[in-house]
Amino acid sequence: GIAVYKVALTWPLDPVGMAAVAAATPHVLVVEEKRSMIEGQLKSQLFNLPANQRPKVSGKTDISGAPLLPETLELSATQ
């Protein structure tokens, strides 16, 4: 299944809410238009978790570093 967590405030990112999301899933996909604000904060918050508790995070790039979501223009359903 897919769970959706809508962030109300992008800066600073709520560490309690994101910890709950991270604990519930092995992979997090961060979808944000244009400049990345949430993805970097999330990765920083998860950095010190043990590897077996830390979910993989994708967003502007996938887990291997390949481009995934565009950094310019707006996102659309056809993409």
Protein backbone atom coordinates (compact mmCIF):
# COMPACT_ATOMS: atom_id res chain seq x y z
CA GLY A 1 0.00 0.00 0.00
CA ILE A 2 0.85 3.64 -0.26
CA ALA A 3 0.63 6.12 2.58
CA VAL A 4 0.55 9.88 2.06
CA TYR A 5 1.93 12.37 4.55
CA LYS A 6 1.26 15.98 3.65
CA VAL A 7 3.69 18.39 5.25
CA ALA A 8 2.00 21.54 6.50
CA LEU A 9 5.19 23.50 7.21
CA THR A 10 8.24 22.85 5.02
CA TRP A 11 10.77 24.64 7.21
CA PRO A 12 11.68 23.46 9.75
CA LEU A 13 10.41 19.97 9.11
CA ASP A 14 8.58 18.37 12.06
CA PRO A 15 10.94 15.65 13.33
CA VAL A 16 8.22 13.83 15.31
CA GLY A 17 5.85 13.52 12.34
CA MET A 18 8.61 12.45 9.98
CA ALA A 19 9.96 9.90 12.47
CA ALA A 20 6.50 8.31 12.60
CA VAL A 21 6.34 8.13 8.80
CA ALA A 22 9.87 6.73 8.57
CA ALA A 23 9.16 4.04 11.17
CA ALA A 24 6.16 2.82 9.19
CA THR A 25 7.78 2.28 5.78
CA PRO A 26 10.97 0.98 4.14
CA HIS A 27 10.95 3.62 1.38
CA VAL A 28 9.90 7.30 1.33
CA LEU A 29 9.24 9.18 -1.92
CA VAL A 30 9.39 12.95 -1.44
CA VAL A 31 7.40 14.79 -4.11
CA GLU A 32 7.94 18.53 -4.22
CA GLU A 33 7.93 21.05 -7.02
CA LYS A 34 10.97 23.04 -8.00
CA ARG A 35 13.55 23.49 -5.24
CA SER A 36 14.00 20.65 -2.77
CA MET A 37 13.24 21.74 0.82
CA ILE A 38 11.88 18.61 2.47
CA GLU A 39 14.10 15.86 1.06
CA GLY A 40 17.36 17.18 2.50
CA GLN A 41 15.85 17.82 5.91
CA LEU A 42 14.36 14.33 5.98
CA LYS A 43 17.67 12.71 5.07
CA SER A 44 19.42 14.72 7.79
CA GLN A 45 16.85 13.67 10.39
CA LEU A 46 17.16 10.00 9.44
CA PHE A 47 20.96 9.98 9.16
CA ASN A 48 21.71 8.75 12.68
CA LEU A 49 19.13 5.96 12.71
CA PRO A 50 20.47 2.41 12.55
CA ALA A 51 20.62 1.13 8.97
CA ASN A 52 17.93 -1.49 9.59
CA GLN A 53 15.51 1.24 10.81
CA ARG A 54 16.33 3.92 8.22
CA PRO A 55 14.08 3.97 5.13
CA LYS A 56 15.45 4.65 1.68
CA VAL A 57 14.59 8.19 0.50
CA SER A 58 13.92 9.15 -3.12
CA GLY A 59 12.83 12.49 -4.50
CA LYS A 60 14.70 14.62 -7.02
CA THR A 61 16.88 11.53 -7.52
CA ASP A 62 16.23 7.84 -6.99
CA ILE A 63 18.17 5.75 -4.48
CA SER A 64 20.99 5.19 -7.00
CA GLY A 65 21.35 8.94 -7.69
CA ALA A 66 19.69 8.99 -11.12
CA PRO A 67 17.32 11.93 -11.82
CA LEU A 68 13.73 11.09 -10.91
CA LEU A 69 11.67 14.29 -10.49
CA PRO A 70 12.46 17.55 -12.31
CA GLU A 71 14.05 20.42 -10.40
CA THR A 72 12.51 23.03 -12.67
CA LEU A 73 8.94 23.72 -13.80
CA GLU A 74 5.88 22.32 -12.11
CA LEU A 75 4.94 18.67 -11.77
CA SER A 76 2.03 17.27 -13.74
CA ALA A 77 0.15 13.98 -13.77
CA THR A 78 1.48 13.15 -17.24
CA GLN A 79 5.05 13.10 -15.98
